[in-house]
N, C-alpha and C. Protein backbone atom coordinates (compact mmCIF):
# COMPACT_ATOMS: atom_id res chain seq x y z
N MET A 1 175.83 182.73 152.08
CA MET A 1 174.98 181.79 153.33
C MET A 1 173.84 181.55 153.44
N MET A 2 173.33 183.31 153.74
CA MET A 2 172.17 183.04 153.99
C MET A 2 171.30 182.04 153.13
N GLU A 3 171.57 182.92 151.87
CA GLU A 3 171.22 182.40 150.46
C GLU A 3 170.89 180.79 150.58
N TYR A 4 171.84 180.77 150.77
CA TYR A 4 172.41 178.81 150.70
C TYR A 4 171.20 178.16 151.86
N ARG A 5 171.66 178.12 153.38
CA ARG A 5 170.99 178.47 154.10
C ARG A 5 168.97 178.13 153.77
N SER A 6 168.44 179.03 153.53
CA SER A 6 167.35 179.52 153.11
C SER A 6 166.99 178.86 152.00
N ARG A 7 167.72 177.94 151.00
CA ARG A 7 167.37 177.07 149.78
C ARG A 7 167.52 175.36 150.57
N LEU A 8 168.50 175.78 151.56
CA LEU A 8 168.32 174.13 152.34
C LEU A 8 167.39 174.16 152.94
N GLY A 9 167.07 174.76 153.67
CA GLY A 9 165.51 174.92 154.23
C GLY A 9 164.69 174.93 153.71
N GLU A 10 164.44 175.68 152.27
CA GLU A 10 163.04 175.32 151.16
C GLU A 10 162.87 173.71 150.69
N SER A 11 164.15 172.84 150.57
CA SER A 11 164.59 171.62 150.29
C SER A 11 163.77 170.79 151.36
N GLN A 12 164.39 171.55 152.35
CA GLN A 12 163.44 170.62 153.51
C GLN A 12 162.52 170.53 153.72
N THR A 13 161.66 171.18 153.62
CA THR A 13 160.35 171.55 153.36
C THR A 13 159.46 170.88 151.98
N LEU A 14 160.36 170.77 151.25
CA LEU A 14 159.68 170.19 150.24
C LEU A 14 159.62 168.66 150.19
N GLN A 15 160.93 167.89 150.69
CA GLN A 15 161.45 166.82 151.19
C GLN A 15 159.84 166.52 152.45
N ASP A 16 159.75 167.27 153.56
CA ASP A 16 159.02 166.58 154.14
C ASP A 16 157.40 166.58 153.64
N PHE A 17 157.08 167.86 152.65
CA PHE A 17 156.09 167.81 152.12
C PHE A 17 155.79 166.41 151.64
N SER A 18 157.00 165.86 150.97
CA SER A 18 156.95 164.66 149.79
C SER A 18 155.95 163.45 150.49
N ARG A 19 156.76 163.36 152.09
CA ARG A 19 156.77 162.25 152.74
C ARG A 19 155.56 162.38 153.40
N ASP A 20 154.98 163.47 153.38
CA ASP A 20 153.78 163.65 154.28
C ASP A 20 152.55 162.78 153.38
N ALA A 21 152.32 163.54 151.94
CA ALA A 21 151.86 163.55 151.03
C ALA A 21 152.21 161.68 150.78
N GLU A 22 153.20 161.10 150.44
CA GLU A 22 153.10 159.35 150.49
C GLU A 22 152.76 158.95 151.53
N GLU A 23 152.72 159.46 153.28
CA GLU A 23 151.89 158.88 154.32
C GLU A 23 150.53 158.73 154.03
N ILE A 24 149.89 160.23 153.60
CA ILE A 24 148.94 160.08 153.48
C ILE A 24 148.37 159.06 151.91
N GLU A 25 149.00 159.28 151.24
CA GLU A 25 148.14 157.95 149.91
C GLU A 25 148.55 156.59 150.61
N ALA A 26 149.68 156.49 150.92
CA ALA A 26 149.50 155.54 151.76
C ALA A 26 148.36 154.36 152.89
N TRP A 27 148.16 155.63 153.28
CA TRP A 27 146.92 155.68 154.39
C TRP A 27 145.46 155.56 153.94
N ILE A 28 145.58 156.37 152.84
CA ILE A 28 144.14 156.01 151.95
C ILE A 28 143.96 154.51 151.38
N ALA A 29 145.36 154.26 150.32
CA ALA A 29 145.25 152.72 150.15
C ALA A 29 144.80 151.67 151.41
N ASP A 30 144.89 152.02 152.40
CA ASP A 30 144.66 150.70 153.41
C ASP A 30 143.11 151.26 153.86
N LYS A 31 142.69 152.12 153.67
CA LYS A 31 141.32 152.51 154.20
C LYS A 31 140.73 152.40 153.10
N LEU A 32 140.90 152.30 151.46
CA LEU A 32 139.87 151.65 150.47
C LEU A 32 140.10 150.16 150.51
N ALA A 33 141.62 149.90 151.52
CA ALA A 33 141.29 148.06 151.74
C ALA A 33 140.57 147.60 152.41
N ALA A 34 140.35 148.42 153.14
CA ALA A 34 139.42 148.24 154.35
C ALA A 34 138.06 148.50 154.30
N ALA A 35 137.45 149.28 153.44
CA ALA A 35 136.46 149.33 152.72
C ALA A 35 135.82 148.61 151.63
N SER A 36 136.87 147.77 151.11
CA SER A 36 135.97 146.78 150.69
C SER A 36 135.31 145.98 151.09
N ASP A 37 135.29 145.62 152.61
CA ASP A 37 134.84 144.68 153.14
C ASP A 37 133.28 145.07 153.81
N GLU A 38 133.07 146.26 153.42
CA GLU A 38 131.82 147.42 153.48
C GLU A 38 130.94 146.64 152.71
N PRO A 39 129.20 147.16 153.30
CA PRO A 39 128.74 147.03 151.78
C PRO A 39 128.31 147.63 151.08
N VAL A 40 127.98 147.50 149.72
CA VAL A 40 128.08 147.79 148.38
C VAL A 40 128.14 149.38 148.76
N LYS A 41 126.99 149.60 148.67
CA LYS A 41 126.67 151.14 149.11
C LYS A 41 128.00 152.21 149.84
N GLU A 42 128.23 151.46 150.73
CA GLU A 42 128.96 152.40 151.54
C GLU A 42 130.20 152.40 150.98
N THR A 43 130.86 151.19 150.57
CA THR A 43 132.34 151.53 150.03
C THR A 43 132.19 152.31 148.80
N GLN A 44 131.38 151.86 147.67
CA GLN A 44 130.56 152.77 146.94
C GLN A 44 131.20 154.53 147.33
N ASN A 45 130.54 155.18 148.25
CA ASN A 45 130.79 156.22 148.92
C ASN A 45 131.82 156.51 149.17
N LEU A 46 132.53 155.47 149.85
CA LEU A 46 133.64 155.55 150.47
C LEU A 46 134.71 155.58 149.20
N GLN A 47 134.36 155.18 149.05
CA GLN A 47 135.85 154.72 146.78
C GLN A 47 135.92 156.33 146.26
N VAL A 48 134.63 157.24 146.48
CA VAL A 48 134.52 158.09 145.43
C VAL A 48 135.34 159.20 146.64
N LYS A 49 134.81 159.27 148.00
CA LYS A 49 135.62 160.38 148.30
C LYS A 49 137.35 160.32 148.39
N ILE A 50 137.39 158.57 148.76
CA ILE A 50 139.16 158.41 148.35
C ILE A 50 139.78 158.44 147.54
N ASN A 51 138.76 158.19 145.95
CA ASN A 51 138.94 159.09 144.66
C ASN A 51 139.79 160.22 144.62
N PHE A 52 139.22 161.02 145.58
CA PHE A 52 139.01 162.71 145.53
C PHE A 52 140.19 162.88 146.64
N LEU A 53 140.42 162.23 147.56
CA LEU A 53 141.73 162.47 148.33
C LEU A 53 142.73 162.54 147.49
N LEU A 54 142.79 161.17 146.75
CA LEU A 54 144.29 160.32 146.15
C LEU A 54 144.56 161.36 145.09
N LYS A 55 143.00 162.35 144.03
CA LYS A 55 143.70 162.26 143.38
C LYS A 55 144.28 164.27 143.71
N SER A 56 143.89 164.93 144.53
CA SER A 56 144.31 165.66 145.33
C SER A 56 145.46 165.54 146.10
N VAL A 57 146.24 164.19 146.30
CA VAL A 57 147.44 164.05 146.86
C VAL A 57 148.38 164.17 145.91
N ARG A 58 148.21 163.48 144.38
CA ARG A 58 148.70 163.33 143.34
C ARG A 58 148.74 164.25 142.60
N GLU A 59 147.75 165.23 142.67
CA GLU A 59 148.48 166.81 142.28
C GLU A 59 149.29 167.58 143.08
N SER A 60 149.45 167.40 144.39
CA SER A 60 149.87 167.84 145.47
C SER A 60 151.37 167.63 145.12
N ILE A 61 151.40 166.55 144.95
CA ILE A 61 152.98 165.71 144.23
C ILE A 61 153.50 166.21 143.38
N ILE A 62 152.18 166.55 142.28
CA ILE A 62 152.53 167.26 140.85
C ILE A 62 153.39 168.64 141.01
N ILE A 63 152.23 168.74 141.37
CA ILE A 63 152.79 170.17 141.85
C ILE A 63 154.71 170.29 142.31
N LYS A 64 154.26 170.32 143.33
CA LYS A 64 156.17 169.67 144.16
C LYS A 64 156.96 169.44 142.90
N LYS A 65 156.54 168.92 142.37
CA LYS A 65 157.96 168.29 140.98
C LYS A 65 157.88 169.33 140.29
N ILE A 66 157.18 170.31 139.76
CA ILE A 66 157.03 171.29 139.19
C ILE A 66 157.78 172.32 139.85
N ILE A 67 157.85 172.39 141.31
CA ILE A 67 158.12 173.35 141.45
C ILE A 67 160.21 173.00 142.03
N ILE A 68 160.43 171.83 142.06
CA ILE A 68 160.85 171.30 142.55
C ILE A 68 162.27 171.75 140.87
N ASN A 69 161.60 171.37 140.38
CA ASN A 69 162.42 171.55 138.94
C ASN A 69 162.26 172.50 138.32
N THR A 70 161.66 173.71 138.47
CA THR A 70 161.31 174.62 137.99
C THR A 70 162.89 175.40 139.30
N TRP A 71 162.77 175.13 140.20
CA TRP A 71 163.96 175.61 141.52
C TRP A 71 165.00 175.15 140.99
N LYS A 72 165.42 173.81 140.38
CA LYS A 72 166.55 173.65 139.93
C LYS A 72 166.81 174.43 138.86
N CYS A 73 166.31 174.49 137.95
CA CYS A 73 166.67 175.31 136.60
C CYS A 73 167.01 176.65 137.16
N ILE A 74 166.54 177.35 138.11
CA ILE A 74 166.60 178.44 138.38
C ILE A 74 168.33 178.60 139.15
N TYR A 75 168.59 177.78 140.36
CA TYR A 75 169.96 177.76 140.88
C TYR A 75 170.65 176.93 140.21
N ILE A 76 170.25 176.08 138.90
CA ILE A 76 171.80 175.23 138.82
C ILE A 76 172.49 175.80 137.40
């Protein structure tokens, strides 16, 4: 029973992480849209930073998916 609760807690943590990553990605997309109204130089600098953040979020999501798939293989 304790193992089940532990796995359930881990699953909740992964779901929370996934939701947070999606919220961050949406926030970044909003900021990118707002940045398109700024002068070109400022937009380019901001776009580089946003692209870096998006890449980090996507990598985190990929890592999360790998963990979930590995976890499923172990416990199924």
